[in-house]
N, C-alpha and C. Protein backbone atom coordinates (compact mmCIF):
# COMPACT_ATOMS: atom_id res chain seq x y z
N MET A 1 0.67 -1.55 0.05
CA MET A 1 -0.46 -0.11 -0.38
C MET A 1 0.70 1.31 -0.44
N VAL A 2 1.67 1.60 0.65
CA VAL A 2 2.89 2.42 0.85
C VAL A 2 3.30 3.02 -0.30
N ASP A 3 4.18 1.61 -0.53
CA ASP A 3 4.84 1.85 -2.93
C ASP A 3 3.95 2.59 -3.36
N GLN A 4 2.86 1.92 -3.62
CA GLN A 4 1.32 2.43 -4.27
C GLN A 4 1.26 3.78 -4.33
N VAL A 5 1.30 4.35 -3.15
CA VAL A 5 0.58 5.69 -2.58
C VAL A 5 1.95 6.81 -3.22
N LYS A 6 3.13 5.90 -2.82
CA LYS A 6 3.90 7.10 -2.46
C LYS A 6 4.44 7.02 -4.50
N LYS A 7 4.08 5.71 -5.45
CA LYS A 7 4.08 6.28 -6.40
C LYS A 7 3.14 7.21 -7.19
N LEU A 8 2.10 6.99 -7.00
CA LEU A 8 1.09 7.78 -6.96
C LEU A 8 1.34 9.28 -6.72
N THR A 9 1.71 9.71 -5.57
CA THR A 9 2.37 11.00 -5.25
C THR A 9 3.47 11.49 -5.01
N ALA A 10 4.35 11.18 -5.99
CA ALA A 10 5.58 11.03 -6.04
C ALA A 10 6.07 13.07 -6.15
N GLN A 11 5.17 13.31 -7.34
CA GLN A 11 5.41 14.78 -7.16
C GLN A 11 4.84 15.55 -6.49
N TRP A 12 3.80 15.11 -5.39
CA TRP A 12 3.26 15.94 -3.61
C TRP A 12 4.60 16.55 -2.93
N GLU A 13 3.95 17.16 -2.54
CA GLU A 13 4.58 17.90 -1.15
C GLU A 13 3.79 17.89 0.16
N TYR A 14 4.29 17.21 0.51
CA TYR A 14 3.23 17.00 2.28
C TYR A 14 4.15 16.89 3.11
N ASP A 15 3.36 17.37 4.06
CA ASP A 15 4.26 17.55 5.22
C ASP A 15 3.72 16.22 6.42
N ALA A 16 2.35 15.71 6.37
CA ALA A 16 2.31 14.37 7.33
C ALA A 16 0.94 13.79 6.42
N VAL A 17 1.06 12.42 7.04
CA VAL A 17 -0.26 11.59 6.55
C VAL A 17 -1.05 11.33 7.36
N SER A 18 -2.33 10.89 6.95
CA SER A 18 -2.97 10.33 7.69
C SER A 18 -3.81 9.31 7.05
N ILE A 19 -3.60 8.12 8.00
CA ILE A 19 -4.57 6.42 7.08
C ILE A 19 -5.39 6.21 7.98
N GLY A 20 -6.50 5.99 7.78
CA GLY A 20 -7.70 4.95 7.53
C GLY A 20 -7.41 3.74 7.34
N ILE A 21 -7.65 3.01 8.40
CA ILE A 21 -7.43 1.66 8.65
C ILE A 21 -8.67 0.63 8.83
N PRO A 22 -9.29 -0.13 8.45
CA PRO A 22 -10.92 -0.46 9.15
C PRO A 22 -10.37 -1.96 9.33
N ALA A 23 -10.00 -1.67 10.54
CA ALA A 23 -9.24 -2.54 12.43
C ALA A 23 -9.77 -2.00 13.30
N PRO A 24 -9.49 -3.50 14.37
CA PRO A 24 -9.37 -2.35 15.48
C PRO A 24 -8.31 -1.22 16.03
N PHE A 25 -8.74 -0.41 16.77
CA PHE A 25 -7.74 0.36 17.63
C PHE A 25 -8.20 0.69 18.78
N LEU A 26 -7.07 0.95 19.42
CA LEU A 26 -7.39 0.95 21.15
C LEU A 26 -6.62 1.82 21.74
N LEU A 27 -7.33 3.52 22.37
CA LEU A 27 -6.55 4.39 22.73
C LEU A 27 -5.71 4.89 21.94
N GLY A 28 -6.19 4.63 20.21
CA GLY A 28 -5.77 5.60 19.06
C GLY A 28 -4.20 4.45 18.60
N HIS A 29 -3.98 3.60 19.15
CA HIS A 29 -3.30 2.48 19.01
C HIS A 29 -4.21 1.20 17.81
N LEU A 30 -3.40 0.81 16.55
CA LEU A 30 -3.44 -0.36 15.76
C LEU A 30 -3.55 -1.30 16.72
N VAL A 31 -4.54 -2.25 16.94
CA VAL A 31 -4.26 -3.48 17.40
C VAL A 31 -4.61 -4.75 16.94
N ALA A 32 -4.62 -4.87 15.99
CA ALA A 32 -5.24 -5.84 14.97
C ALA A 32 -4.90 -6.15 13.67
N ASP A 33 -4.86 -6.45 12.54
CA ASP A 33 -5.15 -6.81 11.20
C ASP A 33 -5.73 -5.96 11.11
N PRO A 34 -6.16 -6.02 9.35
CA PRO A 34 -7.93 -5.85 8.50
C PRO A 34 -8.23 -7.23 8.99
N ARG A 35 -9.51 -7.48 9.02
CA ARG A 35 -9.94 -8.93 8.66
C ARG A 35 -10.13 -9.19 7.20
N ASN A 36 -10.44 -7.83 6.08
CA ASN A 36 -10.84 -7.90 4.69
C ASN A 36 -9.93 -7.61 4.09
N LEU A 37 -8.15 -7.51 4.51
CA LEU A 37 -6.67 -7.29 3.71
C LEU A 37 -5.86 -8.14 4.40
N GLY A 38 -4.62 -8.10 3.77
CA GLY A 38 -3.43 -8.81 4.28
C GLY A 38 -3.01 -8.89 5.41
N PRO A 39 -2.11 -9.53 6.31
CA PRO A 39 -0.82 -9.46 7.57
C PRO A 39 -0.17 -8.15 7.04
N GLY A 40 0.26 -7.53 8.45
CA GLY A 40 1.63 -6.97 8.20
C GLY A 40 1.13 -5.20 9.09
N TRP A 41 0.14 -4.99 9.40
CA TRP A 41 -0.20 -3.13 9.37
C TRP A 41 -0.01 -3.10 10.54
N VAL A 42 -0.08 -3.75 11.64
CA VAL A 42 -0.06 -3.30 13.76
C VAL A 42 1.80 -3.55 13.89
N ALA A 43 2.59 -4.22 13.18
CA ALA A 43 3.28 -3.41 13.44
C ALA A 43 4.82 -2.53 12.48
N PHE A 44 3.60 -1.98 11.20
CA PHE A 44 4.73 -1.85 10.50
C PHE A 44 5.02 -0.35 10.72
N ASP A 45 6.44 0.15 10.61
CA ASP A 45 6.55 1.75 10.88
C ASP A 45 5.77 2.51 9.75
N PHE A 46 5.03 3.29 9.52
CA PHE A 46 4.52 4.31 8.67
C PHE A 46 5.42 5.20 8.67
N GLU A 47 5.46 6.04 9.61
CA GLU A 47 6.81 6.93 9.82
C GLU A 47 8.31 6.95 8.87
N ALA A 48 8.27 5.99 9.59
CA ALA A 48 9.24 5.48 8.44
C ALA A 48 9.44 5.48 7.03
N ALA A 49 8.23 4.63 6.65
CA ALA A 49 7.99 4.24 5.51
C ALA A 49 7.60 5.89 4.51
N PHE A 50 7.48 6.72 5.18
CA PHE A 50 6.83 7.53 4.45
C PHE A 50 7.31 8.67 4.75
N GLY A 51 8.43 9.11 5.97
CA GLY A 51 9.53 9.85 5.74
C GLY A 51 8.90 11.11 6.81
N CYS A 52 8.01 10.95 7.41
CA CYS A 52 6.99 12.13 7.78
C CYS A 52 6.13 11.62 9.13
N PRO A 53 5.81 12.26 9.69
CA PRO A 53 4.92 12.14 10.69
C PRO A 53 3.63 11.51 9.64
N VAL A 54 3.04 10.57 11.18
CA VAL A 54 1.64 9.86 10.53
C VAL A 54 0.79 9.55 11.88
N LYS A 55 -0.48 10.05 10.89
CA LYS A 55 -1.17 9.47 12.18
C LYS A 55 -2.52 8.12 11.34
N THR A 56 -2.38 7.33 12.09
CA THR A 56 -3.80 6.27 11.72
C THR A 56 -4.61 6.54 13.25
N MET A 57 -5.76 6.15 11.69
CA MET A 57 -7.09 5.36 13.05
C MET A 57 -8.24 4.65 11.98
N ASN A 58 -9.18 4.14 12.84
CA ASN A 58 -10.29 3.78 12.10
C ASN A 58 -10.46 4.38 10.98
N ASP A 59 -10.51 3.83 9.89
CA ASP A 59 -11.75 4.31 8.53
C ASP A 59 -12.58 5.20 8.78
N ALA A 60 -13.61 3.96 9.46
CA ALA A 60 -15.13 4.62 9.83
C ALA A 60 -14.84 5.30 10.59
N ALA A 61 -14.01 5.81 12.12
CA ALA A 61 -14.03 6.65 12.47
C ALA A 61 -12.86 8.18 12.38
N MET A 62 -12.26 7.78 10.75
CA MET A 62 -11.88 9.01 10.32
C MET A 62 -12.93 9.59 9.68
N GLN A 63 -13.64 8.87 9.32
CA GLN A 63 -15.11 9.21 8.29
C GLN A 63 -16.00 10.09 9.10
N ALA A 64 -15.91 9.81 10.06
CA ALA A 64 -16.90 10.10 11.79
C ALA A 64 -16.75 11.24 12.27
N LEU A 65 -15.33 11.54 12.19
CA LEU A 65 -14.45 12.60 12.71
C LEU A 65 -14.77 13.60 12.27
N GLY A 66 -15.02 13.49 10.15
CA GLY A 66 -14.94 14.41 9.16
C GLY A 66 -16.58 14.48 9.20
N SER A 67 -17.48 13.73 9.18
CA SER A 67 -18.90 14.14 9.28
C SER A 67 -19.36 14.86 10.75
N TYR A 68 -18.58 14.78 11.75
CA TYR A 68 -18.89 15.63 12.96
C TYR A 68 -19.60 16.81 12.55
N LYS A 69 -20.65 17.47 13.41
CA LYS A 69 -21.34 18.71 13.59
C LYS A 69 -21.08 19.24 15.96
N LYS A 70 -21.68 18.37 16.15
CA LYS A 70 -22.17 18.27 17.29
C LYS A 70 -22.36 17.79 17.87
N GLY A 71 -22.41 17.33 19.67
CA GLY A 71 -23.12 16.43 20.58
C GLY A 71 -22.68 15.25 20.58
N LYS A 72 -23.36 14.12 20.39
CA LYS A 72 -22.88 12.26 20.41
C LYS A 72 -23.30 12.19 18.76
N MET A 73 -22.39 11.54 18.35
CA MET A 73 -22.62 11.05 16.92
C MET A 73 -22.38 9.92 17.22
N ILE A 74 -23.14 8.55 16.22
CA ILE A 74 -22.80 7.89 15.80
C ILE A 74 -23.16 7.51 14.43
N PHE A 75 -21.96 7.01 14.03
CA PHE A 75 -21.80 6.45 12.26
C PHE A 75 -21.65 5.47 12.32
N LEU A 76 -22.16 5.38 10.61
CA LEU A 76 -22.36 3.45 10.72
C LEU A 76 -22.30 3.13 8.95
N GLY A 77 -20.94 3.30 8.96
CA GLY A 77 -20.55 2.89 7.52
C GLY A 77 -21.21 1.46 7.00
N LEU A 78 -21.70 1.22 5.81
CA LEU A 78 -21.88 0.55 4.96
C LEU A 78 -21.01 0.16 3.82
N GLY A 79 -20.36 -0.50 4.12
CA GLY A 79 -19.63 -0.83 2.92
C GLY A 79 -19.02 -2.74 3.09
N THR A 80 -17.54 -2.89 2.85
CA THR A 80 -17.36 -4.43 2.67
C THR A 80 -18.02 -4.86 3.76
N GLY A 81 -17.95 -3.92 5.07
CA GLY A 81 -19.02 -4.65 6.35
C GLY A 81 -19.31 -3.66 7.09
N LEU A 82 -19.48 -3.87 8.44
CA LEU A 82 -20.12 -2.63 8.76
C LEU A 82 -18.99 -1.71 9.96
N GLY A 83 -18.53 -0.74 9.97
CA GLY A 83 -17.84 0.28 10.40
C GLY A 83 -18.53 1.32 11.18
N ALA A 84 -18.40 1.50 12.22
CA ALA A 84 -18.69 2.26 13.14
C ALA A 84 -18.19 2.79 14.13
N ALA A 85 -18.60 4.21 14.54
CA ALA A 85 -18.09 5.30 15.64
C ALA A 85 -18.83 6.04 16.07
N PHE A 86 -18.12 6.54 17.46
CA PHE A 86 -18.48 7.37 18.14
C PHE A 86 -17.66 8.38 17.93
N VAL A 87 -18.34 9.33 18.18
CA VAL A 87 -17.34 10.96 18.08
C VAL A 87 -18.80 11.81 19.01
N ILE A 88 -17.71 11.82 20.20
CA ILE A 88 -18.76 12.98 21.47
C ILE A 88 -17.53 13.95 21.53
N ASP A 89 -18.47 15.01 21.93
CA ASP A 89 -16.80 16.53 21.77
C ASP A 89 -16.28 16.00 20.75
N GLY A 90 -15.90 16.26 19.70
CA GLY A 90 -15.30 16.21 18.78
C GLY A 90 -14.45 15.00 18.79
N VAL A 91 -14.33 14.34 19.56
CA VAL A 91 -13.54 13.11 19.79
C VAL A 91 -13.91 11.78 19.29
N ALA A 92 -13.56 11.69 18.28
CA ALA A 92 -13.77 10.21 18.21
C ALA A 92 -13.70 8.70 17.54
N GLU A 93 -13.66 7.67 18.15
CA GLU A 93 -13.47 6.21 18.58
C GLU A 93 -14.70 5.24 17.86
N SER A 94 -13.68 4.60 17.66
CA SER A 94 -14.01 3.45 16.42
C SER A 94 -14.98 2.41 17.63
N ARG A 95 -15.67 1.68 16.91
CA ARG A 95 -16.83 0.64 17.68
C ARG A 95 -17.00 -0.62 16.86
N GLU A 96 -16.40 -1.88 17.46
CA GLU A 96 -16.19 -2.80 16.21
C GLU A 96 -17.29 -3.38 16.92
N LEU A 97 -19.00 -3.52 16.14
CA LEU A 97 -19.83 -3.80 16.40
C LEU A 97 -19.70 -4.62 15.22
N ALA A 98 -19.37 -4.94 13.89
CA ALA A 98 -19.64 -5.45 12.62
C ALA A 98 -19.58 -6.92 12.98
N HIS A 99 -18.77 -7.55 14.44
CA HIS A 99 -18.93 -9.03 14.16
C HIS A 99 -19.46 -9.45 15.71
N MET A 100 -20.04 -8.32 16.33
CA MET A 100 -21.19 -8.62 17.97
C MET A 100 -22.16 -9.51 17.19
N PRO A 101 -22.86 -10.30 17.86
CA PRO A 101 -24.34 -10.65 17.94
C PRO A 101 -24.80 -10.47 17.45
N TYR A 102 -25.72 -10.75 16.27
CA TYR A 102 -26.89 -10.24 16.23
C TYR A 102 -28.22 -11.42 15.22
N LYS A 103 -28.85 -11.52 15.99
CA LYS A 103 -30.05 -12.78 16.03
C LYS A 103 -29.23 -13.93 15.67
N LYS A 104 -29.16 -14.24 14.29
CA LYS A 104 -27.87 -15.90 14.76
C LYS A 104 -26.56 -15.58 13.90
N LYS A 105 -26.78 -14.77 13.76
CA LYS A 105 -25.06 -14.43 13.25
C LYS A 105 -24.44 -13.34 13.56
N THR A 106 -23.85 -11.94 12.94
CA THR A 106 -23.11 -10.67 13.21
C THR A 106 -23.91 -9.99 12.43
N TYR A 107 -23.64 -8.26 13.34
CA TYR A 107 -24.24 -7.75 12.63
C TYR A 107 -23.52 -7.51 11.00
N GLU A 108 -22.72 -7.51 10.72
CA GLU A 108 -21.84 -7.72 9.26
C GLU A 108 -23.01 -8.29 8.56
N ASP A 109 -22.95 -9.89 9.08
CA ASP A 109 -23.61 -10.56 7.89
C ASP A 109 -24.92 -10.17 7.64
N TYR A 110 -25.51 -9.46 8.07
CA TYR A 110 -26.72 -8.89 8.10
C TYR A 110 -26.49 -7.79 6.93
N VAL A 111 -25.63 -6.64 7.11
CA VAL A 111 -25.53 -5.53 6.53
C VAL A 111 -24.29 -5.15 5.47
N GLY A 112 -23.87 -6.29 5.77
CA GLY A 112 -22.25 -6.11 5.09
C GLY A 112 -22.58 -6.09 3.70
N ARG A 113 -21.60 -6.81 2.96
CA ARG A 113 -21.31 -6.46 0.69
C ARG A 113 -22.33 -7.41 0.76
N ARG A 114 -21.65 -8.71 1.38
CA ARG A 114 -22.08 -10.15 1.05
C ARG A 114 -23.56 -10.52 1.10
N ALA A 115 -24.46 -9.46 2.08
CA ALA A 115 -25.26 -10.14 2.81
C ALA A 115 -26.35 -8.74 1.42
N LEU A 116 -25.47 -8.27 0.96
CA LEU A 116 -26.71 -7.28 -0.09
C LEU A 116 -26.43 -8.09 -1.07
N GLU A 117 -25.53 -8.99 -1.23
CA GLU A 117 -25.51 -9.45 -2.82
C GLU A 117 -26.31 -11.11 -2.49
N LYS A 118 -26.19 -11.08 -1.12
CA LYS A 118 -27.46 -12.69 -0.79
C LYS A 118 -28.36 -12.50 -1.07
N VAL A 119 -29.11 -11.87 -0.52
CA VAL A 119 -30.31 -11.59 -0.12
C VAL A 119 -30.61 -10.26 -0.73
N GLY A 120 -30.30 -9.44 -1.93
CA GLY A 120 -30.79 -8.79 -2.50
C GLY A 120 -30.80 -6.90 -2.28
N LYS A 121 -31.36 -6.22 -2.60
CA LYS A 121 -31.46 -4.47 -1.91
C LYS A 121 -32.52 -4.50 -1.01
N LYS A 122 -33.81 -5.37 -1.65
CA LYS A 122 -34.85 -4.82 -0.93
C LYS A 122 -34.92 -5.44 0.59
N LYS A 123 -34.22 -6.29 0.74
CA LYS A 123 -34.34 -7.10 2.13
C LYS A 123 -32.96 -7.00 2.50
N TRP A 124 -31.73 -6.38 1.95
CA TRP A 124 -30.95 -5.72 2.70
C TRP A 124 -31.48 -4.78 3.96
N ARG A 125 -32.05 -3.52 2.39
CA ARG A 125 -32.74 -2.42 3.13
C ARG A 125 -33.48 -2.52 4.19
N LYS A 126 -33.97 -3.42 4.77
CA LYS A 126 -35.09 -3.77 5.80
C LYS A 126 -34.46 -4.26 6.95
N TYR A 127 -32.98 -5.29 6.55
CA TYR A 127 -32.02 -5.20 7.66
C TYR A 127 -31.38 -3.73 8.23
N VAL A 128 -31.22 -2.88 7.29
CA VAL A 128 -30.11 -1.67 7.84
C VAL A 128 -31.27 -0.90 8.47
N ALA A 129 -32.47 -0.87 8.09
CA ALA A 129 -33.33 0.30 9.03
C ALA A 129 -33.72 -0.41 10.43
N ARG A 130 -33.57 -1.44 10.62
CA ARG A 130 -33.68 -2.45 11.76
C ARG A 130 -32.77 -2.51 12.14
N ILE A 131 -31.53 -2.15 12.14
CA ILE A 131 -30.51 -2.62 13.22
C ILE A 131 -29.94 -1.12 13.44
N VAL A 132 -30.45 -0.21 12.30
CA VAL A 132 -30.09 1.35 12.73
C VAL A 132 -30.61 1.50 13.74
N THR A 133 -31.81 1.53 13.62
CA THR A 133 -33.09 1.82 14.80
C THR A 133 -32.61 1.62 15.94
N SER A 134 -32.71 -0.14 15.91
CA SER A 134 -32.23 -0.74 17.09
C SER A 134 -30.94 0.02 17.51
N LEU A 135 -29.73 -0.07 17.17
CA LEU A 135 -29.21 0.97 17.92
C LEU A 135 -29.30 2.61 18.33
N VAL A 136 -29.94 3.16 17.63
CA VAL A 136 -30.10 4.56 18.20
C VAL A 136 -31.24 4.28 19.60
N ASP A 137 -31.77 3.12 19.48
CA ASP A 137 -32.95 2.83 20.29
C ASP A 137 -32.38 2.96 21.44
N ALA A 138 -30.84 2.16 21.73
CA ALA A 138 -30.23 2.02 22.17
C ALA A 138 -29.11 3.45 23.01
N LEU A 139 -28.82 4.08 22.24
CA LEU A 139 -27.20 4.16 22.39
C LEU A 139 -28.41 5.81 22.45
N HIS A 140 -29.07 6.67 22.19
CA HIS A 140 -29.98 7.57 21.68
C HIS A 140 -28.51 9.06 21.30
N PRO A 141 -28.45 8.80 20.48
CA PRO A 141 -27.39 9.98 20.11
C PRO A 141 -28.27 11.40 19.41
N ASP A 142 -27.46 11.89 19.20
CA ASP A 142 -27.92 13.51 18.99
C ASP A 142 -28.28 13.47 17.48
N ASP A 143 -27.08 12.71 16.61
CA ASP A 143 -26.91 12.75 15.53
C ASP A 143 -25.97 11.08 15.14
N VAL A 144 -26.71 10.96 13.55
CA VAL A 144 -26.47 9.97 13.48
C VAL A 144 -26.00 9.62 11.55
N VAL A 145 -25.51 9.64 11.17
CA VAL A 145 -24.70 9.58 10.02
C VAL A 145 -24.46 8.41 9.19
N ILE A 146 -24.98 8.26 8.81
CA ILE A 146 -24.78 6.25 7.16
C ILE A 146 -24.20 6.84 6.42
N GLY A 147 -22.85 6.26 6.22
CA GLY A 147 -22.02 6.26 5.20
C GLY A 147 -21.28 4.76 4.67
N GLY A 148 -20.77 5.16 4.10
CA GLY A 148 -19.56 3.62 2.82
C GLY A 148 -20.29 4.29 1.99
N GLY A 149 -19.85 3.23 1.16
CA GLY A 149 -19.91 3.15 -0.60
C GLY A 149 -21.18 2.38 -0.55
N ASN A 150 -21.64 1.61 0.42
CA ASN A 150 -23.23 0.89 -0.23
C ASN A 150 -24.27 1.97 0.14
N ALA A 151 -24.27 3.05 1.51
CA ALA A 151 -24.75 4.26 1.66
C ALA A 151 -25.85 4.71 0.66
N LYS A 152 -25.48 4.80 -1.05
CA LYS A 152 -25.89 5.30 -1.50
C LYS A 152 -27.10 4.01 -2.63
N LYS A 153 -27.37 2.96 -1.83
CA LYS A 153 -28.23 2.00 -2.33
C LYS A 153 -29.42 1.95 -1.08
N LEU A 154 -29.56 2.84 -0.48
CA LEU A 154 -30.75 3.35 0.18
C LEU A 154 -31.82 3.81 -0.23
N LYS A 155 -32.23 3.69 -0.41
CA LYS A 155 -33.73 4.25 -0.99
C LYS A 155 -33.92 5.21 -0.12
N LYS A 156 -33.82 5.50 1.19
CA LYS A 156 -34.63 6.28 2.39
C LYS A 156 -33.64 5.93 3.04
N LEU A 157 -33.36 7.00 4.28
CA LEU A 157 -32.79 6.34 5.30
C LEU A 157 -33.42 5.98 6.35
N PRO A 158 -33.32 5.72 7.26
CA PRO A 158 -34.02 5.66 8.83
C PRO A 158 -33.89 6.96 9.10
N THR A 159 -35.29 6.39 9.52
CA THR A 159 -35.89 8.16 10.86
C THR A 159 -34.56 8.14 11.49
N GLY A 160 -34.21 9.96 11.27
CA GLY A 160 -33.27 10.82 12.32
C GLY A 160 -32.28 10.40 11.55
N CYS A 161 -31.84 9.89 10.35
CA CYS A 161 -30.47 10.06 9.81
C CYS A 161 -29.74 10.96 8.89
N ARG A 162 -28.67 11.06 8.93
CA ARG A 162 -28.41 11.82 7.59
C ARG A 162 -27.55 11.15 7.04
N LEU A 163 -27.33 10.96 5.52
CA LEU A 163 -26.42 10.71 4.29
C LEU A 163 -24.93 11.43 4.86
N GLY A 164 -23.54 10.45 4.47
CA GLY A 164 -22.72 11.15 4.81
C GLY A 164 -22.08 10.54 3.68
N THR A 165 -20.69 10.99 3.52
CA THR A 165 -20.04 10.83 2.24
C THR A 165 -18.57 10.33 2.13
N ASN A 166 -17.83 9.43 1.46
CA ASN A 166 -16.81 9.41 1.52
C ASN A 166 -15.58 10.50 1.59
N ALA A 167 -16.14 11.65 0.92
CA ALA A 167 -15.13 12.54 0.91
C ALA A 167 -15.14 13.36 2.53
N ASN A 168 -16.18 12.80 3.38
CA ASN A 168 -15.44 13.44 4.99
C ASN A 168 -14.51 12.77 5.50
N ALA A 169 -14.36 11.63 4.98
CA ALA A 169 -13.17 10.90 5.15
C ALA A 169 -11.14 11.31 4.73
N PHE A 170 -11.40 12.80 3.99
CA PHE A 170 -10.60 13.23 3.95
C PHE A 170 -10.36 14.19 5.31
N LEU A 171 -11.69 14.97 4.89
CA LEU A 171 -11.57 16.10 5.72
C LEU A 171 -11.66 15.25 7.59
N GLY A 172 -11.66 14.30 7.72
CA GLY A 172 -11.68 13.90 9.15
C GLY A 172 -9.96 13.61 9.50
N GLY A 173 -9.23 12.91 8.47
CA GLY A 173 -7.76 13.27 8.07
C GLY A 173 -6.96 14.19 8.27
N PHE A 174 -7.51 15.61 7.93
CA PHE A 174 -6.79 17.33 8.15
C PHE A 174 -7.03 17.57 9.59
N ARG A 175 -8.39 16.83 10.15
CA ARG A 175 -9.12 16.94 11.53
C ARG A 175 -8.12 16.60 12.36
N LEU A 176 -7.52 15.62 12.41
CA LEU A 176 -6.48 14.75 13.00
C LEU A 176 -5.34 15.30 13.35
N TRP A 177 -5.03 16.60 12.35
CA TRP A 177 -3.96 17.26 12.46
C TRP A 177 -4.03 19.01 12.92
N ASN A 178 -5.24 19.84 12.83
CA ASN A 178 -5.84 20.27 12.29
C ASN A 178 -6.60 20.83 13.96
N HIS A 179 -6.94 19.86 14.78
CA HIS A 179 -7.99 19.66 15.58
C HIS A 179 -8.79 21.12 15.49
N ALA A 180 -9.45 21.21 14.56
CA ALA A 180 -10.79 22.04 13.96
C ALA A 180 -11.74 21.67 14.97
N LYS A 181 -12.90 22.83 14.79
CA LYS A 181 -14.13 22.80 15.55
C LYS A 181 -14.87 22.19 14.52
N PRO A 182 -15.75 21.81 15.02
CA PRO A 182 -16.55 20.96 14.15
C PRO A 182 -17.29 22.03 13.20
N VAL A 183 -17.85 22.04 11.79
CA VAL A 183 -18.27 22.75 10.58
C VAL A 183 -19.01 21.70 10.23
N SER A 184 -19.90 22.52 9.51
CA SER A 184 -20.72 21.43 8.41
C SER A 184 -20.04 20.83 7.58
N PRO A 185 -20.12 20.06 7.27
CA PRO A 185 -19.13 18.62 6.45
C PRO A 185 -19.40 19.35 4.68
N ASN A 186 -20.47 20.42 4.34
CA ASN A 186 -20.42 20.84 3.25
C ASN A 186 -19.74 22.20 3.17
N SER A 187 -19.28 22.76 4.44
CA SER A 187 -18.00 24.04 4.19
C SER A 187 -16.82 23.34 3.51
N ALA A 188 -15.64 24.47 3.53
CA ALA A 188 -14.80 23.79 2.81
C ALA A 188 -13.33 24.45 3.69
N GLU A 189 -12.78 22.88 4.37
CA GLU A 189 -12.29 23.47 5.52
C GLU A 189 -11.58 22.94 5.05
N THR A 190 -10.24 23.25 5.20
CA THR A 190 -8.92 22.27 4.30
C THR A 190 -7.34 23.05 5.27
N PRO A 191 -6.55 21.97 4.68
CA PRO A 191 -5.31 22.28 5.16
C PRO A 191 -5.03 23.90 5.38
N LYS A 192 -3.99 24.44 6.51
CA LYS A 192 -3.55 25.66 6.48
C LYS A 192 -2.05 26.03 5.98
N LYS A 193 -1.32 24.72 5.46
CA LYS A 193 0.20 25.10 5.26
C LYS A 193 -0.07 24.48 3.79
N LYS A 194 0.87 25.36 2.90
CA LYS A 194 0.82 25.71 1.59
C LYS A 194 1.82 23.96 0.93
N GLY A 195 1.51 24.03 -0.36
CA GLY A 195 1.89 22.38 -0.40
C GLY A 195 1.07 21.69 -0.27
N THR A 196 0.05 21.41 0.73
CA THR A 196 -0.59 20.03 1.49
C THR A 196 -1.46 19.96 0.35
N ARG A 197 -1.37 18.39 -0.32
CA ARG A 197 -2.73 18.48 -1.11
C ARG A 197 -3.44 16.76 -0.48
N ARG A 198 -4.52 17.04 -1.36
CA ARG A 198 -5.64 16.12 -0.59
C ARG A 198 -5.43 14.71 -1.21
């Protein structure tokens, strides 16, 4: 991954790197390799590889941080699996809900990409609505964001939810370094240093 990124950005000038990894983090540290990617992530020295400061966090938490406006927010990312994160007072923490038991399987087995392909959009959408409603009833958030690549496959969002966008992950990556106050995801929040690129 690093080799490919360095090739693609060979002409860029940058001071720091933010990486969203689909894996569990604890107190800001990657604690296990991603289930859906190859091994070797936990012990890898990203700073040495990129030659600059690097911050890593769960990919759902990064998109959640970029989506955040105020209060207690839950982010649910519908993609290969189910990404989940809480943001409270501007602090994002991932939550590994995907592999928690739900009915006869796990949450991911009902709303992940494999479930979508297996049961079709109509039934998958019903699963998403039930699971989101159940989580909202249990956690009482001020804001709920549904994001990830498959969010656009929903005909309508569950009540009280708003649609996120993958572009918010970039904003979350900048917020890791800028400690910016929460703003609307539609506003233009960009890095302050010259030469920094998305």
